C-alpha cells in the first residue's frame, strides 16, 4: 500500500484502527470489549449490566431459572430501561422545543416592546422640544397681553371720559 493510499483511508477505517479494548467483569466472567469509546465508558457499561443482573439475582426464585431465562430477563430489563429513557428523551426534546418557541415569542415581544419604547422616547423628545418652544414664547405672549390690556384700559378710560362729558 503506497503512502497516498494510506492517507486516503476513510474516517470509518481510521476509527476502527483506533478501537479501544478493555477487559471487563460481567456476572463473574471476564470479557474483552472493544469500541471507539473510552475505556472508562466501556467499564461503565459493564458496571451497569452487572447492576441489572445483580438486581435480578436478588429476586425470589430467579437463581433457579435456566440461563436462557436469566439472559432474556436481563435483556428485557435493559430494553425496558432503554425505552423509558427514549420516552424521557422525547419528553425533554418536546419540552425543549416548547421552550424554544416560548423564547422566540418572548424575544419577539421584547423587540416589539423596545420598538414601542423607542417610539415613545422620540415622541417624548418631540413634546419636550415643542414645550421648550412654547416656553420661549410665553414672555413674548405675556408682553403682548400686557400691551393689549394697557391699550384696552386706555380705551375704556377714554370712552369713560367721553361718557362723562356727554352726560
Foldseek 3Di string as FASTA:
>chain_A
DDPVVVVPDDPVVVLVVQKDWDWEAAPNDIDIDIGSDDPVVVNVVRVVLNVLLVVQVPDPPSVVDDPVVSVVVSVVVVVVVVVVVVVVVVVVVVVVVVVVVVVVVVVVVVVVVVVVVVVVVVVVVVVVVVVVVVVVCVVVVVVVVVVVVVVVVVVVVVVVVVVVVVD
